[in-house]
Protein backbone atom coordinates (compact mmCIF):
# COMPACT_ATOMS: atom_id res chain seq x y z
CA MET A 1 3.37 2.73 43.08
CA LYS A 2 3.52 -0.95 42.22
CA ILE A 3 6.15 -2.53 40.00
CA ALA A 4 3.33 -3.75 37.77
CA GLU A 5 2.55 -0.14 36.84
CA ILE A 6 6.12 0.53 35.71
CA ILE A 7 6.18 -2.73 33.74
CA SER A 8 2.91 -1.76 32.07
CA LEU A 9 4.38 1.53 30.82
CA LEU A 10 7.34 -0.28 29.25
CA GLU A 11 5.36 -3.16 27.78
CA GLN A 12 2.67 -0.94 26.28
CA ALA A 13 5.42 0.30 23.98
CA ALA A 14 7.52 -2.85 23.66
CA PRO A 15 5.36 -5.87 24.55
CA LEU A 16 7.06 -9.14 25.41
CA ALA A 17 5.52 -10.59 22.25
CA PHE A 18 8.16 -8.61 20.33
CA GLN A 19 11.07 -10.50 21.90
CA GLU A 20 13.01 -13.26 20.17
CA SER A 21 12.28 -16.87 21.12
CA TRP A 22 15.68 -17.32 22.80
CA ASP A 23 15.35 -14.21 24.95
CA ASN A 24 14.29 -13.86 28.59
CA ALA A 25 12.90 -10.35 28.90
CA GLY A 26 10.50 -9.45 31.67
CA LEU A 27 10.53 -9.42 35.46
CA GLN A 28 13.62 -11.37 36.52
CA VAL A 29 13.57 -10.87 40.28
CA GLY A 30 10.79 -9.58 42.52
CA HIS A 31 7.00 -9.42 42.57
CA VAL A 32 4.70 -7.28 40.46
CA ASP A 33 2.74 -6.16 43.54
CA ALA A 34 5.79 -4.80 45.37
CA GLU A 35 5.80 -1.06 46.03
CA VAL A 36 8.45 1.08 44.36
CA SER A 37 9.36 4.75 44.72
CA ASP A 38 12.76 4.84 42.96
CA VAL A 39 14.06 3.05 39.89
CA LEU A 40 17.60 2.65 38.55
CA LEU A 41 18.20 2.40 34.79
CA CYS A 42 21.10 0.46 33.23
CA VAL A 43 22.19 -1.66 30.29
CA ASP A 44 23.67 -4.52 32.36
CA VAL A 45 22.86 -5.74 35.86
CA THR A 46 26.15 -6.16 37.71
CA GLU A 47 27.08 -6.37 41.35
CA GLU A 48 28.23 -2.75 41.18
CA VAL A 49 24.89 -1.65 39.73
CA LEU A 50 23.00 -3.48 42.46
CA ASP A 51 25.23 -1.89 45.10
CA GLU A 52 24.30 1.46 43.59
CA ALA A 53 20.61 0.60 43.69
CA ILE A 54 20.88 -0.35 47.34
CA ALA A 55 22.86 2.78 48.23
CA THR A 56 20.40 5.10 46.45
CA GLY A 57 17.30 3.40 47.81
CA CYS A 58 16.04 2.07 44.48
CA GLN A 59 13.63 -0.83 44.82
CA LEU A 60 13.66 -1.60 41.08
CA VAL A 61 16.41 -1.93 38.49
CA VAL A 62 15.34 -1.69 34.84
CA SER A 63 17.98 -3.09 32.51
CA HIS A 64 18.31 -3.74 28.80
CA HIS A 65 20.18 -7.04 29.04
CA PRO A 66 18.50 -9.72 31.15
CA LEU A 67 20.31 -10.73 34.31
CA ILE A 68 19.13 -14.32 33.87
CA PHE A 69 19.30 -15.90 30.41
CA HIS A 70 19.35 -19.55 31.42
CA GLY A 71 17.94 -21.54 34.32
CA LEU A 72 19.92 -21.48 37.55
CA LYS A 73 20.44 -24.85 39.21
CA THR A 74 22.04 -23.38 42.33
CA LEU A 75 22.21 -20.11 44.26
CA ARG A 76 25.59 -20.49 45.98
CA GLY A 77 27.28 -17.36 44.70
CA ASP A 78 29.63 -19.26 42.37
CA SER A 79 28.98 -16.87 39.48
CA ALA A 80 28.30 -13.17 39.06
CA VAL A 81 24.72 -13.94 38.02
CA GLU A 82 24.10 -16.02 41.15
CA ARG A 83 25.61 -13.33 43.36
CA CYS A 84 23.47 -10.67 41.73
CA VAL A 85 20.27 -12.67 42.19
CA MET A 86 21.15 -13.38 45.83
CA LYS A 87 21.97 -9.72 46.49
CA ALA A 88 18.79 -8.50 44.81
CA ILE A 89 16.63 -10.87 46.85
CA LYS A 90 18.42 -10.10 50.11
CA HIS A 91 17.92 -6.36 49.68
CA ASP A 92 14.42 -6.49 48.13
CA VAL A 93 15.56 -5.05 44.81
CA ALA A 94 13.48 -6.16 41.84
CA VAL A 95 15.01 -6.55 38.39
CA TYR A 96 13.11 -6.05 35.14
CA SER A 97 14.68 -6.36 31.68
CA ALA A 98 13.46 -5.17 28.28
CA HIS A 99 15.80 -6.70 25.73
CA THR A 100 14.95 -7.85 22.19
CA ASN A 101 11.38 -6.64 22.64
CA MET A 102 12.88 -3.15 23.01
CA ASP A 103 15.27 -3.84 20.10
CA ASN A 104 12.42 -4.92 17.83
CA TRP A 105 10.04 -2.06 18.66
CA LEU A 106 10.31 -0.04 15.45
CA GLN A 107 8.69 3.27 16.41
CA GLY A 108 10.79 4.12 19.44
CA GLY A 109 13.06 1.21 20.36
CA VAL A 110 16.80 0.75 20.43
CA ASN A 111 17.39 0.94 16.68
CA ALA A 112 15.10 3.91 16.25
CA ARG A 113 17.09 5.67 18.96
CA ILE A 114 20.40 4.91 17.20
CA ALA A 115 18.97 6.18 13.91
CA GLY A 116 17.81 9.34 15.63
CA LYS A 117 21.21 9.97 17.17
CA ILE A 118 22.81 9.69 13.72
CA GLY A 119 20.13 11.80 12.09
CA LEU A 120 18.68 9.29 9.65
CA VAL A 121 15.42 9.94 7.81
CA HIS A 122 12.99 7.69 5.89
CA CYS A 123 13.74 4.78 8.23
CA GLY A 124 12.37 1.26 8.11
CA PRO A 125 13.26 -2.20 9.41
CA LEU A 126 16.06 -4.23 7.86
CA SER A 127 14.03 -7.35 8.51
CA PRO A 128 10.31 -6.79 9.22
CA ALA A 129 8.59 -9.19 11.60
CA THR A 130 5.94 -11.32 9.93
CA ALA A 131 3.45 -11.37 12.80
CA GLU A 132 3.70 -7.83 14.18
CA GLY A 133 3.42 -4.71 12.05
CA GLN A 134 5.22 -2.65 14.69
CA ALA A 135 8.19 -4.95 15.13
CA GLY A 136 11.28 -5.85 13.15
CA SER A 137 15.03 -6.38 13.33
CA GLY A 138 17.56 -3.66 12.62
CA MET A 139 16.89 -0.42 10.75
CA ILE A 140 17.88 1.29 7.53
CA GLY A 141 17.55 4.93 6.62
CA GLU A 142 19.14 7.82 4.79
CA LEU A 143 21.25 10.80 5.75
CA PRO A 144 19.65 14.13 4.79
CA GLN A 145 22.80 14.90 2.81
CA PRO A 146 25.61 12.58 1.68
CA GLU A 147 28.65 12.61 3.97
CA ASP A 148 32.30 11.78 3.49
CA GLU A 149 33.03 8.26 4.79
CA THR A 150 35.75 9.26 7.24
CA ALA A 151 33.84 12.28 8.51
CA PHE A 152 30.70 10.19 8.99
CA LEU A 153 32.47 7.43 10.90
CA GLN A 154 34.26 10.00 13.06
CA ARG A 155 30.91 11.58 13.86
CA VAL A 156 29.46 8.18 14.81
CA LYS A 157 32.49 7.51 16.99
CA GLU A 158 31.92 10.76 18.86
CA ILE A 159 28.15 10.32 19.24
CA PHE A 160 28.52 6.86 20.77
CA HIS A 161 31.77 7.53 22.68
CA VAL A 162 33.52 4.67 20.90
CA PRO A 163 37.09 4.08 22.17
CA CYS A 164 38.04 1.93 19.17
CA LEU A 165 35.87 1.71 16.06
CA LYS A 166 36.59 -1.44 14.05
CA MET A 167 35.73 -1.25 10.38
CA THR A 168 36.33 -2.72 6.97
CA ARG A 169 38.16 -0.94 4.15
CA LEU A 170 36.72 2.43 3.15
CA LEU A 171 35.21 2.43 -0.32
CA GLY A 172 35.99 6.01 -1.30
CA LYS A 173 32.40 7.09 -1.91
CA PRO A 174 29.93 9.29 -0.02
CA VAL A 175 27.67 7.76 2.64
CA ARG A 176 23.96 8.20 2.03
CA LYS A 177 22.14 5.01 3.06
CA VAL A 178 22.93 3.60 6.52
CA ALA A 179 21.90 0.26 8.01
CA LEU A 180 22.22 -0.41 11.73
CA CYS A 181 21.46 -2.84 14.51
CA GLY A 182 22.09 -2.33 18.20
CA GLY A 183 24.14 -5.09 19.81
CA ALA A 184 25.21 -8.18 17.88
CA GLY A 185 23.78 -7.60 14.40
CA SER A 186 26.02 -9.44 11.96
CA PHE A 187 23.11 -11.74 11.08
CA LEU A 188 21.54 -8.76 9.30
CA LEU A 189 24.51 -8.03 7.02
CA PRO A 190 22.88 -9.84 4.04
CA GLU A 191 19.83 -7.58 4.43
CA ALA A 192 22.01 -4.47 4.62
CA LEU A 193 23.75 -5.52 1.42
CA ALA A 194 20.51 -6.40 -0.35
CA GLN A 195 19.01 -3.00 0.49
CA GLY A 196 22.04 -1.10 -0.79
CA ALA A 197 23.39 0.35 2.44
CA ASP A 198 26.70 2.19 2.20
CA VAL A 199 27.55 1.55 5.86
CA PHE A 200 26.33 -1.05 8.38
CA ILE A 201 26.70 0.01 12.02
CA SER A 202 26.49 -2.75 14.62
CA ALA A 203 28.67 -4.71 17.02
CA ASP A 204 30.27 -8.05 17.85
CA PHE A 205 31.41 -8.95 14.33
CA LYS A 206 33.67 -11.98 14.19
CA TYR A 207 36.91 -11.86 12.22
CA HIS A 208 35.67 -13.85 9.23
CA GLU A 209 32.43 -11.90 9.08
CA PHE A 210 34.33 -8.74 8.12
CA PHE A 211 35.28 -10.47 4.86
CA MET A 212 31.60 -10.68 4.00
CA ALA A 213 31.59 -6.94 3.20
CA GLU A 214 33.33 -7.85 -0.08
CA ASN A 215 34.11 -4.18 -0.81
CA ARG A 216 30.38 -3.53 -1.25
CA ILE A 217 29.69 -1.99 2.14
CA VAL A 218 31.59 -0.54 5.09
CA ILE A 219 31.06 -2.53 8.29
CA ALA A 220 31.47 -0.33 11.37
CA ASP A 221 31.67 -2.25 14.65
CA ILE A 222 31.16 0.36 17.37
CA GLY A 223 30.92 -2.01 20.35
CA HIS A 224 27.97 -3.73 22.00
CA TYR A 225 27.54 -1.47 25.01
CA GLU A 226 28.25 1.64 22.98
CA SER A 227 25.51 0.84 20.48
CA GLU A 228 22.89 0.23 23.17
CA GLN A 229 23.82 2.77 25.85
CA TYR A 230 20.99 5.13 24.93
CA THR A 231 18.39 2.49 25.74
CA LYS A 232 18.39 4.05 29.21
CA GLU A 233 16.99 7.23 27.66
CA ILE A 234 14.11 5.24 26.20
CA PHE A 235 13.29 3.76 29.62
CA PHE A 236 13.42 7.22 31.19
CA GLU A 237 11.11 8.76 28.62
CA LEU A 238 8.54 5.97 28.75
CA ILE A 239 8.29 6.18 32.53
CA SER A 240 8.59 9.94 33.07
CA LYS A 241 6.12 10.79 30.32
CA LYS A 242 3.33 9.14 32.30
CA ILE A 243 4.69 9.70 35.81
CA PRO A 244 6.73 12.95 35.72
CA THR A 245 7.26 13.08 39.50
CA PHE A 246 8.61 9.52 39.79
CA ALA A 247 12.23 9.22 41.00
CA ILE A 248 14.31 7.83 38.12
CA HIS A 249 18.08 7.41 38.34
CA PHE A 250 20.62 6.71 35.59
CA SER A 251 23.21 4.25 36.83
CA THR A 252 26.72 5.66 37.11
CA ALA A 253 28.17 2.17 37.73
CA ASP A 254 26.84 0.88 34.40
CA ARG A 255 29.62 0.70 31.84
CA SER A 256 31.11 -1.54 29.18
CA PRO A 257 33.21 -4.46 30.43
CA VAL A 258 35.43 -4.01 27.38
CA HIS A 259 38.42 -1.69 27.74
CA CYS A 260 40.92 -0.49 25.16
CA LEU A 261 44.61 0.07 25.86
C-alpha cells in the first residue's frame, strides 16, 4: 500500500483546507508513492517515537502535532526537530501530521472525540468556520443530566488521566452546558461565556487568562497532551475502517513532556 492511500483516508474526513493558516499539517517527511505496511500513531513526533517506529518496522508515523512548524535552515542535529528529520530520512520513515484540520473537523475530529468521552449531547461548534459547513473551532454541548461541579471535574480528570487539573473557583451550581477545545483553547473563552457554558475544558491557559472567568464560568485546564491523547483513536478508526487488515500500532513512547511532582 502506498502512503498516498493512507493520507487519502485521513484527508477525506479532515481535509487540509480545514487547517488554520499558521499550521503545517500534511506529509512532513517522505514521498506519497512510498510503500507502507505498518503505521505508528502518536500525538508528538519525538526521537523516542521514531526509535519505536524503526524497532517495530513502521514505515509511516501519523502524528497529531506537526514535526515541522517552521522552515529549517540547517540539518545538523542541533535541535530535536532536526535530529528527528535526519533520523526519519536515514531510516526511510515517513511522517504525516493531521493537526488543526483534525481539530476543526466537527463530525468526528478532536473536539467531537472529547465531547464523546465526556458524554455530551446536542453538540455544535463554539466558533463555526465561515467557508466550510463541516468545520469549526471548539465545541459546546450539554450533559444528559446536570452534575455536581466537583464530581464532574473529578470524572473529567479520570477520563483524561490528568495528573493535575488546574481550574478557577467553583461556582456552587450544577454543570449542564460544557464548552471545550482540545489543546490551547483560551482564545475561545469569550465564545464559551457568550453561549452560557458552565465549564470550559481546554489547556494552556496563562495566569492572567484565568481571571477572565470572572466567576461566570469554571475554566478547567486539563493539559495539552491529555486533551488530545485520543486523537490516536480517530486515526486508528479512519484507517482500519477501510483497511481492517492493515498493521496499525499505538505508540507506547508517546507521552506528555509535562510531569507533576
